Amino acid sequence: MTYILNILENYLPRNDHFSVKTYHRIIEALKYGYAMRSGLGDKDFVPGLDDMVAKLSSKRFAAETRQKITDFKTFNDATHYGATFESIQDHGTANLCVWGPNGDGIALTTSINYILGAGFVSESTGIILNDSMDDFSTPGLVNEYGYLPSPSNFIRPGKRPQSSMCPTVILDKRNDLFMIVGGAGGSKIISSVTQVILNRLYFNMDVESASGLQRIHHQLFPMTLDMEDDWVHQNPEVVRGLQSKGHNLTISYPDGFVAVTTISLDMYKRSIVGVYDKRRSGSVAYM
């Protein structure tokens, strides 16, 4: 996610949020980000991963990627974005954000992966068992788009599978807590949390608006741009503009997107504001 945000730093028109150019650039950054994800894995098992993470955190590498983006069209070949392997499609999660009275912040994301996990309950504890083994890639299986599974995510004893979870704590220039954010909802977590952060920090929206604004999603596999139905109806000119650049569109209902939990300092209200995503059930508590 840091890589995506670095690509978009000082690259979006600040006063033109709902433009074709803005959304096209966000989509292209997402596509590059999800392409790089296919090479990630457990650092104890993937050689050179520390170097790759350092590169993905580098503003210089992000700037080089930015130069590859054209405002005139998109590309529907995943290899153009650097993806040679398919990323696994992970599933549901739960997210919790906590802002302490002493200024400490916690973003906690947990998962049993698919709905009801493995479909089994421990007889001794009553805990639903996860099916996180499904987060690994399976050797020899070519996906429906002709891409091989990522070797960096093959099953090994003691290895951790890939995950889209990205609990995030953001500090201001004085290293004081400014924002805590995380999401629940599988592979759309990365794109959704990215957009909430952009809305809050880049477009200066209040916390409620930053979380509630309709979202888009693109993860390369499949090669389609997923949009919330309200977004499509409210932005027909932008939709047509994106289609003219070659984006293949699909429409989803809001509950098919990620629930992003957010707490942020509100400089105007001089208060700390927490919101849960109305796309799914949740709650906010002040103590």
C-alpha atoms as a PDB file:
ATOM      1  CA  MET A   1       0.000   0.000   0.000  1.00  0.00           C
ATOM      2  CA  THR A   2       2.920   2.350   0.725  1.00  0.00           C
ATOM      3  CA  TYR A   3       4.094   1.790  -2.845  1.00  0.00           C
ATOM      4  CA  ILE A   4       0.683   2.791  -4.226  1.00  0.00           C
ATOM      5  CA  LEU A   5       0.501   5.917  -2.063  1.00  0.00           C
ATOM      6  CA  ASN A   6       4.041   6.904  -3.071  1.00  0.00           C
ATOM      7  CA  ILE A   7       3.122   6.587  -6.746  1.00  0.00           C
ATOM      8  CA  LEU A   8       0.167   8.923  -6.206  1.00  0.00           C
ATOM      9  CA  GLU A   9       2.025  11.459  -4.050  1.00  0.00           C
ATOM     10  CA  ASN A  10       1.702  14.923  -5.669  1.00  0.00           C
ATOM     11  CA  TYR A  11       0.277  13.184  -8.748  1.00  0.00           C
ATOM     12  CA  LEU A  12      -3.468  13.694  -8.296  1.00  0.00           C
ATOM     13  CA  PRO A  13      -5.282  16.965  -9.101  1.00  0.00           C
ATOM     14  CA  ARG A  14      -6.119  18.207  -5.590  1.00  0.00           C
ATOM     15  CA  ASN A  15      -9.096  20.301  -6.682  1.00  0.00           C
ATOM     16  CA  ASP A  16     -10.489  17.815  -9.169  1.00  0.00           C
ATOM     17  CA  HIS A  17     -11.254  14.684  -7.173  1.00  0.00           C
ATOM     18  CA  PHE A  18     -14.122  13.439  -9.335  1.00  0.00           C
ATOM     19  CA  SER A  19     -12.333  13.635 -12.675  1.00  0.00           C
ATOM     20  CA  VAL A  20     -11.449  10.948 -15.189  1.00  0.00           C
ATOM     21  CA  LYS A  21      -7.749  11.794 -14.790  1.00  0.00           C
ATOM     22  CA  THR A  22      -7.848  11.375 -11.005  1.00  0.00           C
ATOM     23  CA  TYR A  23      -9.552   7.994 -11.067  1.00  0.00           C
ATOM     24  CA  HIS A  24      -7.508   6.743 -14.016  1.00  0.00           C
ATOM     25  CA  ARG A  25      -4.281   7.496 -12.158  1.00  0.00           C
ATOM     26  CA  ILE A  26      -5.552   5.825  -8.986  1.00  0.00           C
ATOM     27  CA  ILE A  27      -6.527   2.733 -10.979  1.00  0.00           C
ATOM     28  CA  GLU A  28      -3.144   2.534 -12.691  1.00  0.00           C
ATOM     29  CA  ALA A  29      -1.342   2.847  -9.351  1.00  0.00           C
ATOM     30  CA  LEU A  30      -3.513   0.050  -7.943  1.00  0.00           C
ATOM     31  CA  LYS A  31      -2.664  -2.178 -10.901  1.00  0.00           C
ATOM     32  CA  TYR A  32       1.067  -1.672 -10.381  1.00  0.00           C
ATOM     33  CA  GLY A  33       0.644  -2.286  -6.664  1.00  0.00           C
ATOM     34  CA  TYR A  34      -1.254  -5.540  -7.071  1.00  0.00           C
ATOM     35  CA  ALA A  35       1.296  -6.670  -9.669  1.00  0.00           C
ATOM     36  CA  MET A  36       4.107  -6.301  -7.142  1.00  0.00           C
ATOM     37  CA  ARG A  37       2.048  -8.148  -4.536  1.00  0.00           C
ATOM     38  CA  SER A  38       2.380 -11.340  -6.568  1.00  0.00           C
ATOM     39  CA  GLY A  39       6.072 -11.521  -5.652  1.00  0.00           C
ATOM     40  CA  LEU A  40       5.648 -11.068  -1.906  1.00  0.00           C
ATOM     41  CA  GLY A  41       5.642 -13.792   0.734  1.00  0.00           C
ATOM     42  CA  ASP A  42       7.125 -14.879   4.055  1.00  0.00           C
ATOM     43  CA  LYS A  43      10.572 -13.260   4.333  1.00  0.00           C
ATOM     44  CA  ASP A  44      11.950 -16.376   6.024  1.00  0.00           C
ATOM     45  CA  PHE A  45      11.256 -18.342   2.841  1.00  0.00           C
ATOM     46  CA  VAL A  46      11.526 -15.832  -0.027  1.00  0.00           C
ATOM     47  CA  PRO A  47      15.122 -14.861  -0.944  1.00  0.00           C
ATOM     48  CA  GLY A  48      15.667 -11.158  -1.525  1.00  0.00           C
ATOM     49  CA  LEU A  49      12.350 -10.127  -0.015  1.00  0.00           C
ATOM     50  CA  ASP A  50      13.940  -7.499   2.245  1.00  0.00           C
ATOM     51  CA  ASP A  51      15.408  -5.825  -0.846  1.00  0.00           C
ATOM     52  CA  MET A  52      12.050  -5.970  -2.605  1.00  0.00           C
ATOM     53  CA  VAL A  53      10.247  -4.416   0.366  1.00  0.00           C
ATOM     54  CA  ALA A  54      12.881  -1.670   0.503  1.00  0.00           C
ATOM     55  CA  LYS A  55      12.333  -1.005  -3.193  1.00  0.00           C
ATOM     56  CA  LEU A  56       8.553  -0.891  -2.784  1.00  0.00           C
ATOM     57  CA  SER A  57       9.004   1.601   0.065  1.00  0.00           C
ATOM     58  CA  SER A  58      11.290   3.797  -2.024  1.00  0.00           C
ATOM     59  CA  LYS A  59       9.944   7.088  -3.348  1.00  0.00           C
ATOM     60  CA  ARG A  60      12.469   6.859  -6.184  1.00  0.00           C
ATOM     61  CA  PHE A  61      11.070   3.520  -7.370  1.00  0.00           C
ATOM     62  CA  ALA A  62       7.539   4.923  -7.089  1.00  0.00           C
ATOM     63  CA  ALA A  63       8.581   7.913  -9.200  1.00  0.00           C
ATOM     64  CA  GLU A  64       9.993   5.560 -11.840  1.00  0.00           C
ATOM     65  CA  THR A  65       6.678   3.703 -11.884  1.00  0.00           C
ATOM     66  CA  ARG A  66       4.784   6.985 -12.161  1.00  0.00           C
ATOM     67  CA  GLN A  67       6.658   7.753 -15.380  1.00  0.00           C
ATOM     68  CA  LYS A  68       5.224   4.589 -16.928  1.00  0.00           C
ATOM     69  CA  ILE A  69       1.619   5.737 -16.481  1.00  0.00           C
ATOM     70  CA  THR A  70      -0.039   7.399 -19.443  1.00  0.00           C
ATOM     71  CA  ASP A  71      -3.179   9.499 -19.086  1.00  0.00           C
ATOM     72  CA  PHE A  72      -4.441   8.367 -22.475  1.00  0.00           C
ATOM     73  CA  LYS A  73      -5.037   4.653 -21.980  1.00  0.00           C
ATOM     74  CA  THR A  74      -4.780   1.642 -19.728  1.00  0.00           C
ATOM     75  CA  PHE A  75      -3.257  -1.743 -20.559  1.00  0.00           C
ATOM     76  CA  ASN A  76      -5.093  -5.032 -20.274  1.00  0.00           C
ATOM     77  CA  ASP A  77      -1.981  -7.217 -20.189  1.00  0.00           C
ATOM     78  CA  ALA A  78      -0.927  -7.956 -16.604  1.00  0.00           C
ATOM     79  CA  THR A  79       2.719  -8.384 -17.648  1.00  0.00           C
ATOM     80  CA  HIS A  80       2.805  -4.686 -18.599  1.00  0.00           C
ATOM     81  CA  TYR A  81       2.497  -3.925 -14.885  1.00  0.00           C
ATOM     82  CA  GLY A  82       5.156  -6.453 -13.922  1.00  0.00           C
ATOM     83  CA  ALA A  83       2.917  -9.342 -12.865  1.00  0.00           C
ATOM     84  CA  THR A  84       4.183 -12.753 -13.913  1.00  0.00           C
ATOM     85  CA  PHE A  85       2.261 -14.765 -11.338  1.00  0.00           C
ATOM     86  CA  GLU A  86      -1.275 -14.711 -10.043  1.00  0.00           C
ATOM     87  CA  SER A  87      -1.942 -13.277  -6.570  1.00  0.00           C
ATOM     88  CA  ILE A  88      -4.082 -15.388  -4.303  1.00  0.00           C
ATOM     89  CA  GLN A  89      -7.681 -14.280  -3.680  1.00  0.00           C
ATOM     90  CA  ASP A  90      -7.940 -14.021   0.087  1.00  0.00           C
ATOM     91  CA  HIS A  91     -11.161 -13.543   2.011  1.00  0.00           C
ATOM     92  CA  GLY A  92     -12.877 -12.019   5.018  1.00  0.00           C
ATOM     93  CA  THR A  93     -11.357 -10.461   8.108  1.00  0.00           C
ATOM     94  CA  ALA A  94     -12.199  -8.295  11.101  1.00  0.00           C
ATOM     95  CA  ASN A  95     -10.525  -5.005  11.967  1.00  0.00           C
ATOM     96  CA  LEU A  96     -10.215  -3.014  15.185  1.00  0.00           C
ATOM     97  CA  CYS A  97      -8.755   0.474  15.668  1.00  0.00           C
ATOM     98  CA  VAL A  98      -7.957   1.907  19.113  1.00  0.00           C
ATOM     99  CA  TRP A  99      -6.787   5.425  20.046  1.00  0.00           C
ATOM    100  CA  GLY A 100      -5.511   5.544  23.626  1.00  0.00           C
ATOM    101  CA  PRO A 101      -5.750   8.538  25.993  1.00  0.00           C
ATOM    102  CA  ASN A 102      -1.946   8.765  26.051  1.00  0.00           C
ATOM    103  CA  GLY A 103      -1.749   9.101  22.257  1.00  0.00           C
ATOM    104  CA  ASP A 104      -0.928   5.481  21.487  1.00  0.00           C
ATOM    105  CA  GLY A 105      -2.665   3.901  18.505  1.00  0.00           C
ATOM    106  CA  ILE A 106      -3.431   0.316  17.545  1.00  0.00           C
ATOM    107  CA  ALA A 107      -4.716  -1.074  14.257  1.00  0.00           C
ATOM    108  CA  LEU A 108      -5.498  -4.788  14.585  1.00  0.00           C
ATOM    109  CA  THR A 109      -6.692  -7.016  11.756  1.00  0.00           C
ATOM    110  CA  THR A 110      -7.494 -10.700  12.265  1.00  0.00           C
ATOM    111  CA  SER A 111      -8.894 -13.354   9.960  1.00  0.00           C
ATOM    112  CA  ILE A 112     -10.257 -16.880   9.781  1.00  0.00           C
ATOM    113  CA  ASN A 113     -10.140 -16.348   5.996  1.00  0.00           C
ATOM    114  CA  TYR A 114     -13.340 -17.599   4.370  1.00  0.00           C
ATOM    115  CA  ILE A 115     -16.853 -17.185   5.793  1.00  0.00           C
ATOM    116  CA  LEU A 116     -17.004 -19.475   8.860  1.00  0.00           C
ATOM    117  CA  GLY A 117     -13.376 -20.423   8.210  1.00  0.00           C
ATOM    118  CA  ALA A 118     -12.858 -24.131   7.636  1.00  0.00           C
ATOM    119  CA  GLY A 119     -16.464 -24.861   8.575  1.00  0.00           C
ATOM    120  CA  PHE A 120     -15.444 -26.633  11.784  1.00  0.00           C
ATOM    121  CA  VAL A 121     -15.803 -25.669  15.439  1.00  0.00           C
ATOM    122  CA  SER A 122     -13.408 -26.906  18.112  1.00  0.00           C
ATOM    123  CA  GLU A 123     -15.282 -29.265  20.426  1.00  0.00           C
ATOM    124  CA  SER A 124     -13.194 -28.174  23.407  1.00  0.00           C
ATOM    125  CA  THR A 125     -13.152 -24.381  22.935  1.00  0.00           C
ATOM    126  CA  GLY A 126     -16.051 -23.607  20.604  1.00  0.00           C
ATOM    127  CA  ILE A 127     -13.686 -21.562  18.430  1.00  0.00           C
ATOM    128  CA  ILE A 128     -14.327 -21.554  14.676  1.00  0.00           C
ATOM    129  CA  LEU A 129     -11.230 -22.965  12.971  1.00  0.00           C
ATOM    130  CA  ASN A 130      -9.695 -20.965  10.141  1.00  0.00           C
ATOM    131  CA  ASP A 131      -8.934 -22.099   6.602  1.00  0.00           C
ATOM    132  CA  SER A 132      -5.883 -19.883   6.125  1.00  0.00           C
ATOM    133  CA  MET A 133      -4.126 -22.706   4.268  1.00  0.00           C
ATOM    134  CA  ASP A 134      -6.313 -21.585   1.376  1.00  0.00           C
ATOM    135  CA  ASP A 135      -4.251 -18.367   1.292  1.00  0.00           C
ATOM    136  CA  PHE A 136      -1.312 -20.320  -0.129  1.00  0.00           C
ATOM    137  CA  SER A 137      -0.812 -20.792  -3.859  1.00  0.00           C
ATOM    138  CA  THR A 138      -0.955 -24.333  -5.234  1.00  0.00           C
ATOM    139  CA  PRO A 139       1.921 -25.514  -7.478  1.00  0.00           C
ATOM    140  CA  GLY A 140       0.949 -26.652 -10.945  1.00  0.00           C
ATOM    141  CA  LEU A 141      -2.418 -24.919 -11.077  1.00  0.00           C
ATOM    142  CA  VAL A 142      -2.794 -22.364 -13.847  1.00  0.00           C
ATOM    143  CA  ASN A 143      -5.561 -19.871 -13.217  1.00  0.00           C
ATOM    144  CA  GLU A 144      -8.332 -19.092 -15.704  1.00  0.00           C
ATOM    145  CA  TYR A 145      -6.285 -16.218 -17.142  1.00  0.00           C
ATOM    146  CA  GLY A 146      -3.326 -18.468 -17.943  1.00  0.00           C
ATOM    147  CA  TYR A 147      -1.087 -17.308 -15.101  1.00  0.00           C
ATOM    148  CA  LEU A 148       0.901 -19.621 -12.876  1.00  0.00           C
ATOM    149  CA  PRO A 149       0.618 -19.424  -9.080  1.00  0.00           C
ATOM    150  CA  SER A 150       3.335 -17.426  -7.328  1.00  0.00           C
ATOM    151  CA  PRO A 151       6.248 -19.616  -6.109  1.00  0.00           C
ATOM    152  CA  SER A 152       6.832 -17.115  -3.285  1.00  0.00           C
ATOM    153  CA  ASN A 153       3.474 -18.206  -1.862  1.00  0.00           C
ATOM    154  CA  PHE A 154       3.766 -21.994  -2.190  1.00  0.00           C
ATOM    155  CA  ILE A 155       3.053 -24.064   0.917  1.00  0.00           C
ATOM    156  CA  ARG A 156       6.028 -24.852   3.167  1.00  0.00           C
ATOM    157  CA  PRO A 157       6.163 -26.093   6.789  1.00  0.00           C
ATOM    158  CA  GLY A 158       6.123 -23.140   9.184  1.00  0.00           C
ATOM    159  CA  LYS A 159       5.501 -20.627   6.408  1.00  0.00           C
ATOM    160  CA  ARG A 160       3.010 -17.757   6.559  1.00  0.00           C
ATOM    161  CA  PRO A 161       0.742 -17.255   3.505  1.00  0.00           C
ATOM    162  CA  GLN A 162       0.197 -13.985   1.679  1.00  0.00           C
ATOM    163  CA  SER A 163      -2.450 -11.663   3.039  1.00  0.00           C
ATOM    164  CA  SER A 164      -4.048  -8.379   1.990  1.00  0.00           C
ATOM    165  CA  MET A 165      -4.353  -7.190   5.585  1.00  0.00           C
ATOM    166  CA  CYS A 166      -2.799  -3.747   6.043  1.00  0.00           C
ATOM    167  CA  PRO A 167      -3.567  -2.245   9.464  1.00  0.00           C
ATOM    168  CA  THR A 168      -2.122   1.265   9.345  1.00  0.00           C
ATOM    169  CA  VAL A 169      -1.075   3.909  11.864  1.00  0.00           C
ATOM    170  CA  ILE A 170      -0.263   7.367  10.440  1.00  0.00           C
ATOM    171  CA  LEU A 171       1.788   9.982  12.300  1.00  0.00           C
ATOM    172  CA  ASP A 172       2.083  13.697  11.582  1.00  0.00           C
ATOM    173  CA  LYS A 173       5.351  15.583  11.049  1.00  0.00           C
ATOM    174  CA  ARG A 174       5.883  15.761  14.811  1.00  0.00           C
ATOM    175  CA  ASN A 175       5.437  11.982  15.073  1.00  0.00           C
ATOM    176  CA  ASP A 176       2.146  12.446  16.882  1.00  0.00           C
ATOM    177  CA  LEU A 177      -0.750  10.138  16.108  1.00  0.00           C
ATOM    178  CA  PHE A 178      -3.015  11.449  13.345  1.00  0.00           C
ATOM    179  CA  MET A 179      -4.926   8.525  11.854  1.00  0.00           C
ATOM    180  CA  ILE A 180      -5.577   4.828  12.440  1.00  0.00           C
ATOM    181  CA  VAL A 181      -7.157   2.775   9.678  1.00  0.00           C
ATOM    182  CA  GLY A 182      -7.674  -0.835   8.620  1.00  0.00           C
ATOM    183  CA  GLY A 183     -10.117  -2.913   6.641  1.00  0.00           C
ATOM    184  CA  ALA A 184     -11.960  -6.216   6.502  1.00  0.00           C
ATOM    185  CA  GLY A 185     -12.897  -7.863   3.228  1.00  0.00           C
ATOM    186  CA  GLY A 186     -10.174  -9.858   1.504  1.00  0.00           C
ATOM    187  CA  SER A 187      -8.188  -8.653  -1.493  1.00  0.00           C
ATOM    188  CA  LYS A 188     -10.108  -5.357  -1.684  1.00  0.00           C
ATOM    189  CA  ILE A 189      -8.574  -4.241   1.621  1.00  0.00           C
ATOM    190  CA  ILE A 190      -5.522  -2.705  -0.057  1.00  0.00           C
ATOM    191  CA  SER A 191      -7.475  -0.602  -2.561  1.00  0.00           C
ATOM    192  CA  SER A 192     -10.129   0.438  -0.041  1.00  0.00           C
ATOM    193  CA  VAL A 193      -7.744   1.506   2.729  1.00  0.00           C
ATOM    194  CA  THR A 194      -5.681   3.367   0.121  1.00  0.00           C
ATOM    195  CA  GLN A 195      -8.726   5.348  -1.020  1.00  0.00           C
ATOM    196  CA  VAL A 196      -9.806   6.237   2.525  1.00  0.00           C
ATOM    197  CA  ILE A 197      -6.292   7.534   3.259  1.00  0.00           C
ATOM    198  CA  LEU A 198      -6.252   9.534   0.017  1.00  0.00           C
ATOM    199  CA  ASN A 199      -9.672  10.995   0.771  1.00  0.00           C
ATOM    200  CA  ARG A 200      -8.633  12.049   4.263  1.00  0.00           C
ATOM    201  CA  LEU A 201      -5.063  13.244   3.712  1.00  0.00           C
ATOM    202  CA  TYR A 202      -4.905  14.260   0.067  1.00  0.00           C
ATOM    203  CA  PHE A 203      -8.419  15.561  -0.580  1.00  0.00           C
ATOM    204  CA  ASN A 204      -8.891  16.822   2.997  1.00  0.00           C
ATOM    205  CA  MET A 205     -12.262  15.141   3.567  1.00  0.00           C
ATOM    206  CA  ASP A 206     -13.671  14.693   7.047  1.00  0.00           C
ATOM    207  CA  VAL A 207     -13.449  11.174   8.446  1.00  0.00           C
ATOM    208  CA  GLU A 208     -17.076  10.247   7.751  1.00  0.00           C
ATOM    209  CA  SER A 209     -16.875  11.367   4.109  1.00  0.00           C
ATOM    210  CA  ALA A 210     -13.484   9.748   3.573  1.00  0.00           C
ATOM    211  CA  SER A 211     -14.861   6.408   4.734  1.00  0.00           C
ATOM    212  CA  GLY A 212     -18.283   6.625   3.120  1.00  0.00           C
ATOM    213  CA  LEU A 213     -17.340   7.803  -0.373  1.00  0.00           C
ATOM    214  CA  GLN A 214     -18.030   5.209  -3.067  1.00  0.00           C
ATOM    215  CA  ARG A 215     -15.002   3.168  -4.095  1.00  0.00           C
ATOM    216  CA  ILE A 216     -13.379   1.441  -7.023  1.00  0.00           C
ATOM    217  CA  HIS A 217     -11.147  -1.636  -7.113  1.00  0.00           C
ATOM    218  CA  HIS A 218      -8.682  -3.224  -9.541  1.00  0.00           C
ATOM    219  CA  GLN A 219      -6.374  -6.134  -8.701  1.00  0.00           C
ATOM    220  CA  LEU A 220      -5.205  -7.209 -12.199  1.00  0.00           C
ATOM    221  CA  PHE A 221      -6.707 -10.683 -11.838  1.00  0.00           C
ATOM    222  CA  PRO A 222      -9.371 -10.474 -13.215  1.00  0.00           C
ATOM    223  CA  MET A 223      -8.593  -7.597 -15.605  1.00  0.00           C
ATOM    224  CA  THR A 224     -11.712  -5.653 -14.634  1.00  0.00           C
ATOM    225  CA  LEU A 225     -12.405  -2.416 -12.792  1.00  0.00           C
ATOM    226  CA  ASP A 226     -14.921  -3.041 -10.023  1.00  0.00           C
ATOM    227  CA  MET A 227     -17.156  -0.102  -9.067  1.00  0.00           C
ATOM    228  CA  GLU A 228     -19.878   0.409  -6.505  1.00  0.00           C
ATOM    229  CA  ASP A 229     -23.257   0.791  -8.182  1.00  0.00           C
ATOM    230  CA  ASP A 230     -23.929   4.206  -6.599  1.00  0.00           C
ATOM    231  CA  TRP A 231     -20.586   5.423  -7.932  1.00  0.00           C
ATOM    232  CA  VAL A 232     -21.571   4.432 -11.462  1.00  0.00           C
ATOM    233  CA  HIS A 233     -24.927   6.200 -11.246  1.00  0.00           C
ATOM    234  CA  GLN A 234     -23.484   9.374  -9.745  1.00  0.00           C
ATOM    235  CA  ASN A 235     -20.497   9.693 -12.094  1.00  0.00           C
ATOM    236  CA  PRO A 236     -21.683   8.700 -15.599  1.00  0.00           C
ATOM    237  CA  GLU A 237     -19.250  11.031 -17.374  1.00  0.00           C
ATOM    238  CA  VAL A 238     -16.295   9.614 -15.443  1.00  0.00           C
ATOM    239  CA  VAL A 239     -17.478   6.084 -16.226  1.00  0.00           C
ATOM    240  CA  ARG A 240     -17.608   6.862 -19.942  1.00  0.00           C
ATOM    241  CA  GLY A 241     -14.193   8.512 -19.751  1.00  0.00           C
ATOM    242  CA  LEU A 242     -12.638   5.461 -18.093  1.00  0.00           C
ATOM    243  CA  GLN A 243     -14.236   3.156 -20.642  1.00  0.00           C
ATOM    244  CA  SER A 244     -12.768   5.277 -23.434  1.00  0.00           C
ATOM    245  CA  LYS A 245      -9.301   4.622 -21.980  1.00  0.00           C
ATOM    246  CA  GLY A 246      -9.856   0.863 -22.199  1.00  0.00           C
ATOM    247  CA  HIS A 247     -11.004  -0.004 -18.667  1.00  0.00           C
ATOM    248  CA  ASN A 248     -13.341  -2.999 -18.462  1.00  0.00           C
ATOM    249  CA  LEU A 249     -16.033  -2.247 -15.888  1.00  0.00           C
ATOM    250  CA  THR A 250     -18.050  -4.394 -13.512  1.00  0.00           C
ATOM    251  CA  ILE A 251     -20.568  -3.174 -10.939  1.00  0.00           C
ATOM    252  CA  SER A 252     -20.890  -4.389  -7.346  1.00  0.00           C
ATOM    253  CA  TYR A 253     -23.178  -3.521  -4.457  1.00  0.00           C
ATOM    254  CA  PRO A 254     -21.568  -1.649  -1.523  1.00  0.00           C
ATOM    255  CA  ASP A 255     -21.673  -4.690   0.779  1.00  0.00           C
ATOM    256  CA  GLY A 256     -19.348  -6.414  -1.684  1.00  0.00           C
ATOM    257  CA  PHE A 257     -16.649  -3.900  -0.786  1.00  0.00           C
ATOM    258  CA  VAL A 258     -14.413  -3.672   2.254  1.00  0.00           C
ATOM    259  CA  ALA A 259     -15.524  -2.341   5.625  1.00  0.00           C
ATOM    260  CA  VAL A 260     -12.862   0.200   6.611  1.00  0.00           C
ATOM    261  CA  THR A 261     -12.565   1.230  10.262  1.00  0.00           C
ATOM    262  CA  THR A 262     -11.085   4.701  10.769  1.00  0.00           C
ATOM    263  CA  ILE A 263     -10.086   6.999  13.622  1.00  0.00           C
ATOM    264  CA  SER A 264      -8.570  10.384  12.858  1.00  0.00           C
ATOM    265  CA  LEU A 265      -7.755  13.691  14.455  1.00  0.00           C
ATOM    266  CA  ASP A 266     -10.160  16.390  13.258  1.00  0.00           C
ATOM    267  CA  MET A 267      -8.260  19.674  13.289  1.00  0.00           C
ATOM    268  CA  TYR A 268     -11.404  21.774  12.772  1.00  0.00           C
ATOM    269  CA  LYS A 269     -13.438  20.146  15.527  1.00  0.00           C
ATOM    270  CA  ARG A 270     -10.316  19.772  17.703  1.00  0.00           C
ATOM    271  CA  SER A 271     -11.413  16.261  18.502  1.00  0.00           C
ATOM    272  CA  ILE A 272     -10.728  12.614  17.728  1.00  0.00           C
ATOM    273  CA  VAL A 273     -13.377  11.086  15.475  1.00  0.00           C
ATOM    274  CA  GLY A 274     -13.970   7.381  14.919  1.00  0.00           C
ATOM    275  CA  VAL A 275     -16.226   5.898  12.244  1.00  0.00           C
ATOM    276  CA  TYR A 276     -17.181   2.419  11.146  1.00  0.00           C
ATOM    277  CA  ASP A 277     -18.029   1.604   7.555  1.00  0.00           C
ATOM    278  CA  LYS A 278     -21.768   1.576   6.861  1.00  0.00           C
ATOM    279  CA  ARG A 279     -21.181  -1.026   4.160  1.00  0.00           C
ATOM    280  CA  ARG A 280     -21.179  -3.664   6.889  1.00  0.00           C
ATOM    281  CA  SER A 281     -22.122  -3.916  10.536  1.00  0.00           C
ATOM    282  CA  GLY A 282     -19.814  -2.303  13.075  1.00  0.00           C
ATOM    283  CA  SER A 283     -19.698   0.120  15.970  1.00  0.00           C
ATOM    284  CA  VAL A 284     -17.788   2.987  17.573  1.00  0.00           C
ATOM    285  CA  ALA A 285     -17.191   3.335  21.319  1.00  0.00           C
ATOM    286  CA  TYR A 286     -15.781   6.291  23.276  1.00  0.00           C
ATOM    287  CA  MET A 287     -14.533   5.603  26.802  1.00  0.00           C
END
